[in-house]
Amino acid sequence: MISMHLVIPILAMLAILGIGWLFLRWYLR
């Protein structure tokens, strides 16, 4: 199974990328 040491950084990076993507879509709309 995947350890928490790998899950937490991946979830954090995905959250940052997701927020950045939504912000870019809203800003470039």
PDB file of N, CA and C in Angstrom:
ATOM      1  N   MET A   1       0.841  -1.216   0.000  1.00  0.00           N
ATOM      2  CA  MET A   1       0.000   0.000   0.000  1.00  0.00           C
ATOM      3  C   MET A   1       0.872   1.260   0.000  1.00  0.00           C
ATOM      4  N   ILE A   2       0.281   2.347  -0.426  1.00  0.00           N
ATOM      5  CA  ILE A   2       1.024   3.609  -0.482  1.00  0.00           C
ATOM      6  C   ILE A   2       1.118   4.216   0.918  1.00  0.00           C
ATOM      7  N   SER A   3       2.315   4.624   1.284  1.00  0.00           N
ATOM      8  CA  SER A   3       2.508   5.206   2.616  1.00  0.00           C
ATOM      9  C   SER A   3       2.017   6.648   2.661  1.00  0.00           C
ATOM     10  N   MET A   4       1.687   7.114   3.848  1.00  0.00           N
ATOM     11  CA  MET A   4       1.190   8.481   4.011  1.00  0.00           C
ATOM     12  C   MET A   4       2.241   9.505   3.603  1.00  0.00           C
ATOM     13  N   HIS A   5       3.519   9.115   3.695  1.00  0.00           N
ATOM     14  CA  HIS A   5       4.595  10.043   3.324  1.00  0.00           C
ATOM     15  C   HIS A   5       4.534  10.372   1.838  1.00  0.00           C
ATOM     16  N   LEU A   6       3.900   9.495   1.052  1.00  0.00           N
ATOM     17  CA  LEU A   6       3.773   9.760  -0.384  1.00  0.00           C
ATOM     18  C   LEU A   6       2.407  10.338  -0.715  1.00  0.00           C
ATOM     19  N   VAL A   7       1.392   9.930   0.056  1.00  0.00           N
ATOM     20  CA  VAL A   7       0.025  10.396  -0.224  1.00  0.00           C
ATOM     21  C   VAL A   7      -0.135  11.883   0.053  1.00  0.00           C
ATOM     22  N   ILE A   8       0.350  12.336   1.193  1.00  0.00           N
ATOM     23  CA  ILE A   8       0.169  13.745   1.580  1.00  0.00           C
ATOM     24  C   ILE A   8       0.796  14.720   0.581  1.00  0.00           C
ATOM     25  N   PRO A   9       2.063  14.555   0.179  1.00  0.00           N
ATOM     26  CA  PRO A   9       2.659  15.488  -0.793  1.00  0.00           C
ATOM     27  C   PRO A   9       1.944  15.450  -2.139  1.00  0.00           C
ATOM     28  N   ILE A  10       1.503  14.257  -2.567  1.00  0.00           N
ATOM     29  CA  ILE A  10       0.802  14.144  -3.853  1.00  0.00           C
ATOM     30  C   ILE A  10      -0.535  14.878  -3.795  1.00  0.00           C
ATOM     31  N   LEU A  11      -1.285  14.685  -2.715  1.00  0.00           N
ATOM     32  CA  LEU A  11      -2.571  15.376  -2.574  1.00  0.00           C
ATOM     33  C   LEU A  11      -2.370  16.882  -2.506  1.00  0.00           C
ATOM     34  N   ALA A  12      -1.331  17.315  -1.811  1.00  0.00           N
ATOM     35  CA  ALA A  12      -1.053  18.751  -1.708  1.00  0.00           C
ATOM     36  C   ALA A  12      -0.715  19.321  -3.075  1.00  0.00           C
ATOM     37  N   MET A  13       0.113  18.611  -3.853  1.00  0.00           N
ATOM     38  CA  MET A  13       0.499  19.089  -5.178  1.00  0.00           C
ATOM     39  C   MET A  13      -0.711  19.123  -6.105  1.00  0.00           C
ATOM     40  N   LEU A  14      -1.557  18.096  -6.038  1.00  0.00           N
ATOM     41  CA  LEU A  14      -2.758  18.071  -6.873  1.00  0.00           C
ATOM     42  C   LEU A  14      -3.697  19.213  -6.499  1.00  0.00           C
ATOM     43  N   ALA A  15      -3.816  19.509  -5.216  1.00  0.00           N
ATOM     44  CA  ALA A  15      -4.681  20.601  -4.766  1.00  0.00           C
ATOM     45  C   ALA A  15      -4.162  21.933  -5.298  1.00  0.00           C
ATOM     46  N   ILE A  16      -2.836  22.141  -5.220  1.00  0.00           N
ATOM     47  CA  ILE A  16      -2.253  23.395  -5.709  1.00  0.00           C
ATOM     48  C   ILE A  16      -2.449  23.522  -7.217  1.00  0.00           C
ATOM     49  N   LEU A  17      -2.230  22.423  -7.949  1.00  0.00           N
ATOM     50  CA  LEU A  17      -2.400  22.459  -9.402  1.00  0.00           C
ATOM     51  C   LEU A  17      -3.864  22.696  -9.761  1.00  0.00           C
ATOM     52  N   GLY A  18      -4.772  22.072  -9.028  1.00  0.00           N
ATOM     53  CA  GLY A  18      -6.198  22.235  -9.303  1.00  0.00           C
ATOM     54  C   GLY A  18      -6.647  23.670  -9.071  1.00  0.00           C
ATOM     55  N   ILE A  19      -6.228  24.259  -7.953  1.00  0.00           N
ATOM     56  CA  ILE A  19      -6.594  25.649  -7.656  1.00  0.00           C
ATOM     57  C   ILE A  19      -5.989  26.585  -8.694  1.00  0.00           C
ATOM     58  N   GLY A  20      -4.725  26.338  -9.048  1.00  0.00           N
ATOM     59  CA  GLY A  20      -4.061  27.179 -10.057  1.00  0.00           C
ATOM     60  C   GLY A  20      -4.764  27.078 -11.402  1.00  0.00           C
ATOM     61  N   TRP A  21      -5.198  25.857 -11.769  1.00  0.00           N
ATOM     62  CA  TRP A  21      -5.883  25.661 -13.050  1.00  0.00           C
ATOM     63  C   TRP A  21      -7.229  26.387 -13.058  1.00  0.00           C
ATOM     64  N   LEU A  22      -7.984  26.262 -11.978  1.00  0.00           N
ATOM     65  CA  LEU A  22      -9.278  26.942 -11.902  1.00  0.00           C
ATOM     66  C   LEU A  22      -9.092  28.457 -11.923  1.00  0.00           C
ATOM     67  N   PHE A  23      -8.050  28.956 -11.254  1.00  0.00           N
ATOM     68  CA  PHE A  23      -7.790  30.391 -11.234  1.00  0.00           C
ATOM     69  C   PHE A  23      -7.427  30.882 -12.626  1.00  0.00           C
ATOM     70  N   LEU A  24      -6.623  30.111 -13.350  1.00  0.00           N
ATOM     71  CA  LEU A  24      -6.239  30.514 -14.711  1.00  0.00           C
ATOM     72  C   LEU A  24      -7.458  30.519 -15.626  1.00  0.00           C
ATOM     73  N   ARG A  25      -8.322  29.512 -15.507  1.00  0.00           N
ATOM     74  CA  ARG A  25      -9.528  29.465 -16.343  1.00  0.00           C
ATOM     75  C   ARG A  25     -10.418  30.668 -16.051  1.00  0.00           C
ATOM     76  N   TRP A  26     -10.554  31.018 -14.751  1.00  0.00           N
ATOM     77  CA  TRP A  26     -11.402  32.158 -14.384  1.00  0.00           C
ATOM     78  C   TRP A  26     -10.761  33.462 -14.841  1.00  0.00           C
ATOM     79  N   TYR A  27      -9.430  33.552 -14.726  1.00  0.00           N
ATOM     80  CA  TYR A  27      -8.725  34.790 -15.068  1.00  0.00           C
ATOM     81  C   TYR A  27      -8.677  35.007 -16.575  1.00  0.00           C
ATOM     82  N   LEU A  28      -8.558  33.925 -17.332  1.00  0.00           N
ATOM     83  CA  LEU A  28      -8.455  34.045 -18.796  1.00  0.00           C
ATOM     84  C   LEU A  28      -9.820  34.005 -19.463  1.00  0.00           C
ATOM     85  N   ARG A  29     -10.893  33.895 -18.664  1.00  0.00           N
ATOM     86  CA  ARG A  29     -12.221  33.778 -19.259  1.00  0.00           C
ATOM     87  C   ARG A  29     -12.615  35.047 -19.996  1.00  0.00           C
TER      88      ARG A  29
END
